[in-house]
Amino acid sequence: MRFVATLTFPTPSVRLTRGTSSSVVALVSGGPDSAALVHQLLADGRRVVPIYLRGGLTWESAELVWLRRWLRA
């Protein structure tokens, strides 16, 4: 499978290469950039497997609240 996603700022946009699979893994946080990335991948017909890395940071619990909220939406 060949997949490249590039997320640009301040206006999120995603560029994808064509691959042989419709499934992708996305490294996500609870922020709007992750929401935009997952939204665009889903709109492009991809099956998204979100991955969140815990690092023991102070704001992690708040980030997880927002991440779970928008993943359910």
PDB file of N, CA and C in Angstrom:
ATOM      1  N   MET A   1       0.853  -1.172   0.000  1.00  0.00           N
ATOM      2  CA  MET A   1       0.000   0.000   0.000  1.00  0.00           C
ATOM      3  C   MET A   1       0.897   1.232   0.000  1.00  0.00           C
ATOM      4  N   ARG A   2       0.566   2.196  -0.823  1.00  0.00           N
ATOM      5  CA  ARG A   2       1.311   3.441  -0.886  1.00  0.00           C
ATOM      6  C   ARG A   2       0.379   4.569  -0.504  1.00  0.00           C
ATOM      7  N   PHE A   3       0.733   5.279   0.548  1.00  0.00           N
ATOM      8  CA  PHE A   3      -0.127   6.345   1.047  1.00  0.00           C
ATOM      9  C   PHE A   3       0.722   7.481   1.581  1.00  0.00           C
ATOM     10  N   VAL A   4       0.407   8.692   1.165  1.00  0.00           N
ATOM     11  CA  VAL A   4       1.074   9.876   1.698  1.00  0.00           C
ATOM     12  C   VAL A   4       0.005  10.908   1.994  1.00  0.00           C
ATOM     13  N   ALA A   5       0.000  11.430   3.212  1.00  0.00           N
ATOM     14  CA  ALA A   5      -0.924  12.506   3.571  1.00  0.00           C
ATOM     15  C   ALA A   5      -0.107  13.702   4.007  1.00  0.00           C
ATOM     16  N   THR A   6      -0.403  14.854   3.467  1.00  0.00           N
ATOM     17  CA  THR A   6       0.261  16.083   3.852  1.00  0.00           C
ATOM     18  C   THR A   6      -0.796  17.035   4.363  1.00  0.00           C
ATOM     19  N   LEU A   7      -0.640  17.476   5.594  1.00  0.00           N
ATOM     20  CA  LEU A   7      -1.587  18.396   6.213  1.00  0.00           C
ATOM     21  C   LEU A   7      -0.947  19.772   6.243  1.00  0.00           C
ATOM     22  N   THR A   8      -1.598  20.760   5.674  1.00  0.00           N
ATOM     23  CA  THR A   8      -1.044  22.111   5.622  1.00  0.00           C
ATOM     24  C   THR A   8      -1.774  23.027   6.589  1.00  0.00           C
ATOM     25  N   PHE A   9      -1.111  24.083   6.994  1.00  0.00           N
ATOM     26  CA  PHE A   9      -1.676  25.062   7.922  1.00  0.00           C
ATOM     27  C   PHE A   9      -1.566  26.445   7.309  1.00  0.00           C
ATOM     28  N   PRO A  10      -2.368  27.441   7.656  1.00  0.00           N
ATOM     29  CA  PRO A  10      -3.396  27.420   8.679  1.00  0.00           C
ATOM     30  C   PRO A  10      -4.702  26.812   8.197  1.00  0.00           C
ATOM     31  N   THR A  11      -4.897  26.700   6.892  1.00  0.00           N
ATOM     32  CA  THR A  11      -6.113  26.090   6.367  1.00  0.00           C
ATOM     33  C   THR A  11      -5.813  24.631   6.055  1.00  0.00           C
ATOM     34  N   PRO A  12      -6.436  23.698   6.799  1.00  0.00           N
ATOM     35  CA  PRO A  12      -6.126  22.288   6.576  1.00  0.00           C
ATOM     36  C   PRO A  12      -6.535  21.822   5.187  1.00  0.00           C
ATOM     37  N   SER A  13      -5.644  21.125   4.555  1.00  0.00           N
ATOM     38  CA  SER A  13      -5.958  20.434   3.309  1.00  0.00           C
ATOM     39  C   SER A  13      -5.121  19.166   3.283  1.00  0.00           C
ATOM     40  N   VAL A  14      -5.596  18.182   2.582  1.00  0.00           N
ATOM     41  CA  VAL A  14      -4.915  16.894   2.558  1.00  0.00           C
ATOM     42  C   VAL A  14      -4.649  16.502   1.125  1.00  0.00           C
ATOM     43  N   ARG A  15      -3.448  16.045   0.869  1.00  0.00           N
ATOM     44  CA  ARG A  15      -3.104  15.504  -0.439  1.00  0.00           C
ATOM     45  C   ARG A  15      -2.805  14.023  -0.261  1.00  0.00           C
ATOM     46  N   LEU A  16      -3.478  13.195  -1.023  1.00  0.00           N
ATOM     47  CA  LEU A  16      -3.298  11.749  -0.912  1.00  0.00           C
ATOM     48  C   LEU A  16      -2.807  11.179  -2.228  1.00  0.00           C
ATOM     49  N   THR A  17      -1.920  10.197  -2.127  1.00  0.00           N
ATOM     50  CA  THR A  17      -1.565   9.449  -3.322  1.00  0.00           C
ATOM     51  C   THR A  17      -2.503   8.261  -3.421  1.00  0.00           C
ATOM     52  N   ARG A  18      -2.672   7.725  -4.598  1.00  0.00           N
ATOM     53  CA  ARG A  18      -3.532   6.550  -4.783  1.00  0.00           C
ATOM     54  C   ARG A  18      -2.814   5.321  -4.262  1.00  0.00           C
ATOM     55  N   GLY A  19      -3.546   4.449  -3.613  1.00  0.00           N
ATOM     56  CA  GLY A  19      -2.977   3.216  -3.081  1.00  0.00           C
ATOM     57  C   GLY A  19      -3.834   2.034  -3.452  1.00  0.00           C
ATOM     58  N   THR A  20      -3.398   0.870  -3.020  1.00  0.00           N
ATOM     59  CA  THR A  20      -4.153  -0.341  -3.337  1.00  0.00           C
ATOM     60  C   THR A  20      -5.167  -0.665  -2.249  1.00  0.00           C
ATOM     61  N   SER A  21      -5.113   0.041  -1.113  1.00  0.00           N
ATOM     62  CA  SER A  21      -6.031  -0.220  -0.016  1.00  0.00           C
ATOM     63  C   SER A  21      -6.813   1.041   0.311  1.00  0.00           C
ATOM     64  N   SER A  22      -8.017   0.855   0.831  1.00  0.00           N
ATOM     65  CA  SER A  22      -8.796   2.022   1.221  1.00  0.00           C
ATOM     66  C   SER A  22      -8.660   2.300   2.711  1.00  0.00           C
ATOM     67  N   SER A  23      -7.831   1.530   3.426  1.00  0.00           N
ATOM     68  CA  SER A  23      -7.626   1.738   4.861  1.00  0.00           C
ATOM     69  C   SER A  23      -6.344   2.520   5.105  1.00  0.00           C
ATOM     70  N   VAL A  24      -6.424   3.446   6.051  1.00  0.00           N
ATOM     71  CA  VAL A  24      -5.247   4.231   6.423  1.00  0.00           C
ATOM     72  C   VAL A  24      -5.194   4.379   7.939  1.00  0.00           C
ATOM     73  N   VAL A  25      -4.019   4.620   8.445  1.00  0.00           N
ATOM     74  CA  VAL A  25      -3.806   4.905   9.860  1.00  0.00           C
ATOM     75  C   VAL A  25      -3.512   6.392   9.967  1.00  0.00           C
ATOM     76  N   ALA A  26      -4.175   7.066  10.913  1.00  0.00           N
ATOM     77  CA  ALA A  26      -3.951   8.501  11.109  1.00  0.00           C
ATOM     78  C   ALA A  26      -3.538   8.751  12.551  1.00  0.00           C
ATOM     79  N   LEU A  27      -2.406   9.406  12.752  1.00  0.00           N
ATOM     80  CA  LEU A  27      -1.967   9.819  14.070  1.00  0.00           C
ATOM     81  C   LEU A  27      -2.772  11.053  14.443  1.00  0.00           C
ATOM     82  N   VAL A  28      -3.553  10.962  15.522  1.00  0.00           N
ATOM     83  CA  VAL A  28      -4.505  12.022  15.855  1.00  0.00           C
ATOM     84  C   VAL A  28      -4.307  12.547  17.272  1.00  0.00           C
ATOM     85  N   SER A  29      -4.811  13.764  17.460  1.00  0.00           N
ATOM     86  CA  SER A  29      -4.907  14.379  18.781  1.00  0.00           C
ATOM     87  C   SER A  29      -6.361  14.812  18.933  1.00  0.00           C
ATOM     88  N   GLY A  30      -6.643  15.651  19.867  1.00  0.00           N
ATOM     89  CA  GLY A  30      -8.004  16.155  20.020  1.00  0.00           C
ATOM     90  C   GLY A  30      -8.211  17.485  19.329  1.00  0.00           C
ATOM     91  N   GLY A  31      -7.273  17.897  18.514  1.00  0.00           N
ATOM     92  CA  GLY A  31      -7.324  19.219  17.899  1.00  0.00           C
ATOM     93  C   GLY A  31      -8.031  19.262  16.559  1.00  0.00           C
ATOM     94  N   PRO A  32      -8.265  20.475  16.063  1.00  0.00           N
ATOM     95  CA  PRO A  32      -8.981  20.655  14.796  1.00  0.00           C
ATOM     96  C   PRO A  32      -8.209  20.137  13.592  1.00  0.00           C
ATOM     97  N   ASP A  33      -6.888  20.114  13.651  1.00  0.00           N
ATOM     98  CA  ASP A  33      -6.117  19.591  12.525  1.00  0.00           C
ATOM     99  C   ASP A  33      -6.355  18.096  12.338  1.00  0.00           C
ATOM    100  N   SER A  34      -6.435  17.368  13.449  1.00  0.00           N
ATOM    101  CA  SER A  34      -6.739  15.932  13.370  1.00  0.00           C
ATOM    102  C   SER A  34      -8.158  15.694  12.872  1.00  0.00           C
ATOM    103  N   ALA A  35      -9.087  16.504  13.352  1.00  0.00           N
ATOM    104  CA  ALA A  35     -10.473  16.382  12.904  1.00  0.00           C
ATOM    105  C   ALA A  35     -10.568  16.619  11.398  1.00  0.00           C
ATOM    106  N   ALA A  36      -9.857  17.633  10.913  1.00  0.00           N
ATOM    107  CA  ALA A  36      -9.875  17.946   9.481  1.00  0.00           C
ATOM    108  C   ALA A  36      -9.253  16.811   8.666  1.00  0.00           C
ATOM    109  N   LEU A  37      -8.167  16.241   9.167  1.00  0.00           N
ATOM    110  CA  LEU A  37      -7.510  15.145   8.462  1.00  0.00           C
ATOM    111  C   LEU A  37      -8.430  13.931   8.359  1.00  0.00           C
ATOM    112  N   VAL A  38      -9.016  13.522   9.486  1.00  0.00           N
ATOM    113  CA  VAL A  38      -9.903  12.358   9.492  1.00  0.00           C
ATOM    114  C   VAL A  38     -11.131  12.616   8.615  1.00  0.00           C
ATOM    115  N   HIS A  39     -11.690  13.812   8.704  1.00  0.00           N
ATOM    116  CA  HIS A  39     -12.850  14.166   7.882  1.00  0.00           C
ATOM    117  C   HIS A  39     -12.518  14.044   6.394  1.00  0.00           C
ATOM    118  N   GLN A  40     -11.374  14.572   5.983  1.00  0.00           N
ATOM    119  CA  GLN A  40     -11.001  14.523   4.568  1.00  0.00           C
ATOM    120  C   GLN A  40     -10.746  13.091   4.113  1.00  0.00           C
ATOM    121  N   LEU A  41     -10.095  12.304   4.945  1.00  0.00           N
ATOM    122  CA  LEU A  41      -9.858  10.897   4.586  1.00  0.00           C
ATOM    123  C   LEU A  41     -11.165  10.142   4.415  1.00  0.00           C
ATOM    124  N   LEU A  42     -12.109  10.357   5.335  1.00  0.00           N
ATOM    125  CA  LEU A  42     -13.419   9.711   5.228  1.00  0.00           C
ATOM    126  C   LEU A  42     -14.163  10.187   3.988  1.00  0.00           C
ATOM    127  N   ALA A  43     -14.080  11.490   3.697  1.00  0.00           N
ATOM    128  CA  ALA A  43     -14.742  12.040   2.506  1.00  0.00           C
ATOM    129  C   ALA A  43     -14.158  11.454   1.226  1.00  0.00           C
ATOM    130  N   ASP A  44     -12.873  11.064   1.274  1.00  0.00           N
ATOM    131  CA  ASP A  44     -12.222  10.452   0.117  1.00  0.00           C
ATOM    132  C   ASP A  44     -12.482   8.950   0.031  1.00  0.00           C
ATOM    133  N   GLY A  45     -13.345   8.443   0.934  1.00  0.00           N
ATOM    134  CA  GLY A  45     -13.718   7.040   0.874  1.00  0.00           C
ATOM    135  C   GLY A  45     -12.773   6.100   1.592  1.00  0.00           C
ATOM    136  N   ARG A  46     -11.915   6.638   2.420  1.00  0.00           N
ATOM    137  CA  ARG A  46     -10.959   5.809   3.155  1.00  0.00           C
ATOM    138  C   ARG A  46     -11.569   5.277   4.451  1.00  0.00           C
ATOM    139  N   ARG A  47     -11.120   4.131   4.899  1.00  0.00           N
ATOM    140  CA  ARG A  47     -11.425   3.613   6.234  1.00  0.00           C
ATOM    141  C   ARG A  47     -10.278   4.080   7.116  1.00  0.00           C
ATOM    142  N   VAL A  48     -10.585   4.838   8.157  1.00  0.00           N
ATOM    143  CA  VAL A  48      -9.549   5.457   8.978  1.00  0.00           C
ATOM    144  C   VAL A  48      -9.403   4.710  10.307  1.00  0.00           C
ATOM    145  N   VAL A  49      -8.173   4.382  10.640  1.00  0.00           N
ATOM    146  CA  VAL A  49      -7.847   3.791  11.932  1.00  0.00           C
ATOM    147  C   VAL A  49      -7.075   4.858  12.707  1.00  0.00           C
ATOM    148  N   PRO A  50      -7.747   5.546  13.660  1.00  0.00           N
ATOM    149  CA  PRO A  50      -7.064   6.618  14.392  1.00  0.00           C
ATOM    150  C   PRO A  50      -6.131   6.050  15.460  1.00  0.00           C
ATOM    151  N   ILE A  51      -4.953   6.640  15.570  1.00  0.00           N
ATOM    152  CA  ILE A  51      -3.966   6.245  16.571  1.00  0.00           C
ATOM    153  C   ILE A  51      -3.648   7.467  17.430  1.00  0.00           C
ATOM    154  N   TYR A  52      -3.752   7.296  18.752  1.00  0.00           N
ATOM    155  CA  TYR A  52      -3.417   8.359  19.698  1.00  0.00           C
ATOM    156  C   TYR A  52      -2.267   7.865  20.568  1.00  0.00           C
ATOM    157  N   LEU A  53      -1.206   8.646  20.675  1.00  0.00           N
ATOM    158  CA  LEU A  53      -0.055   8.276  21.490  1.00  0.00           C
ATOM    159  C   LEU A  53      -0.114   9.021  22.815  1.00  0.00           C
ATOM    160  N   ARG A  54      -0.104   8.273  23.893  1.00  0.00           N
ATOM    161  CA  ARG A  54      -0.081   8.891  25.225  1.00  0.00           C
ATOM    162  C   ARG A  54       1.362   9.178  25.609  1.00  0.00           C
ATOM    163  N   GLY A  55       1.572  10.387  26.115  1.00  0.00           N
ATOM    164  CA  GLY A  55       2.914  10.781  26.524  1.00  0.00           C
ATOM    165  C   GLY A  55       2.999  11.240  27.966  1.00  0.00           C
ATOM    166  N   GLY A  56       1.874  11.130  28.699  1.00  0.00           N
ATOM    167  CA  GLY A  56       1.866  11.551  30.083  1.00  0.00           C
ATOM    168  C   GLY A  56       1.846  13.056  30.267  1.00  0.00           C
ATOM    169  N   LEU A  57       1.383  13.780  29.270  1.00  0.00           N
ATOM    170  CA  LEU A  57       1.356  15.244  29.335  1.00  0.00           C
ATOM    171  C   LEU A  57       0.149  15.729  30.131  1.00  0.00           C
ATOM    172  N   THR A  58       0.254  16.915  30.690  1.00  0.00           N
ATOM    173  CA  THR A  58      -0.772  17.480  31.567  1.00  0.00           C
ATOM    174  C   THR A  58      -2.128  17.599  30.875  1.00  0.00           C
ATOM    175  N   TRP A  59      -2.130  17.990  29.627  1.00  0.00           N
ATOM    176  CA  TRP A  59      -3.381  18.267  28.898  1.00  0.00           C
ATOM    177  C   TRP A  59      -3.983  17.031  28.236  1.00  0.00           C
ATOM    178  N   GLU A  60      -3.376  15.873  28.429  1.00  0.00           N
ATOM    179  CA  GLU A  60      -3.808  14.660  27.742  1.00  0.00           C
ATOM    180  C   GLU A  60      -5.265  14.284  28.016  1.00  0.00           C
ATOM    181  N   SER A  61      -5.718  14.429  29.253  1.00  0.00           N
ATOM    182  CA  SER A  61      -7.099  14.034  29.570  1.00  0.00           C
ATOM    183  C   SER A  61      -8.103  14.904  28.811  1.00  0.00           C
ATOM    184  N   ALA A  62      -7.845  16.205  28.728  1.00  0.00           N
ATOM    185  CA  ALA A  62      -8.736  17.099  27.972  1.00  0.00           C
ATOM    186  C   ALA A  62      -8.686  16.772  26.481  1.00  0.00           C
ATOM    187  N   GLU A  63      -7.511  16.472  25.981  1.00  0.00           N
ATOM    188  CA  GLU A  63      -7.357  16.128  24.568  1.00  0.00           C
ATOM    189  C   GLU A  63      -8.142  14.862  24.234  1.00  0.00           C
ATOM    190  N   LEU A  64      -8.087  13.877  25.121  1.00  0.00           N
ATOM    191  CA  LEU A  64      -8.821  12.630  24.892  1.00  0.00           C
ATOM    192  C   LEU A  64     -10.336  12.821  24.928  1.00  0.00           C
ATOM    193  N   VAL A  65     -10.812  13.729  25.791  1.00  0.00           N
ATOM    194  CA  VAL A  65     -12.248  14.037  25.827  1.00  0.00           C
ATOM    195  C   VAL A  65     -12.705  14.531  24.460  1.00  0.00           C
ATOM    196  N   TRP A  66     -11.984  15.494  23.888  1.00  0.00           N
ATOM    197  CA  TRP A  66     -12.363  16.052  22.581  1.00  0.00           C
ATOM    198  C   TRP A  66     -12.185  15.037  21.464  1.00  0.00           C
ATOM    199  N   LEU A  67     -11.128  14.256  21.540  1.00  0.00           N
ATOM    200  CA  LEU A  67     -10.905  13.233  20.513  1.00  0.00           C
ATOM    201  C   LEU A  67     -12.052  12.233  20.482  1.00  0.00           C
ATOM    202  N   ARG A  68     -12.433  11.724  21.645  1.00  0.00           N
ATOM    203  CA  ARG A  68     -13.546  10.767  21.700  1.00  0.00           C
ATOM    204  C   ARG A  68     -14.852  11.394  21.240  1.00  0.00           C
ATOM    205  N   ARG A  69     -15.059  12.659  21.582  1.00  0.00           N
ATOM    206  CA  ARG A  69     -16.300  13.349  21.193  1.00  0.00           C
ATOM    207  C   ARG A  69     -16.409  13.462  19.680  1.00  0.00           C
ATOM    208  N   TRP A  70     -15.371  13.917  18.993  1.00  0.00           N
ATOM    209  CA  TRP A  70     -15.522  14.085  17.547  1.00  0.00           C
ATOM    210  C   TRP A  70     -15.397  12.779  16.786  1.00  0.00           C
ATOM    211  N   LEU A  71     -14.783  11.753  17.367  1.00  0.00           N
ATOM    212  CA  LEU A  71     -14.773  10.453  16.694  1.00  0.00           C
ATOM    213  C   LEU A  71     -16.157   9.802  16.710  1.00  0.00           C
ATOM    214  N   ARG A  72     -16.960  10.106  17.744  1.00  0.00           N
ATOM    215  CA  ARG A  72     -18.328   9.588  17.808  1.00  0.00           C
ATOM    216  C   ARG A  72     -19.269  10.316  16.858  1.00  0.00           C
ATOM    217  N   ALA A  73     -18.926  11.542  16.489  1.00  0.00           N
ATOM    218  CA  ALA A  73     -19.808  12.376  15.648  1.00  0.00           C
ATOM    219  C   ALA A  73     -19.885  11.868  14.218  1.00  0.00           C
TER     220      ALA A  73
END
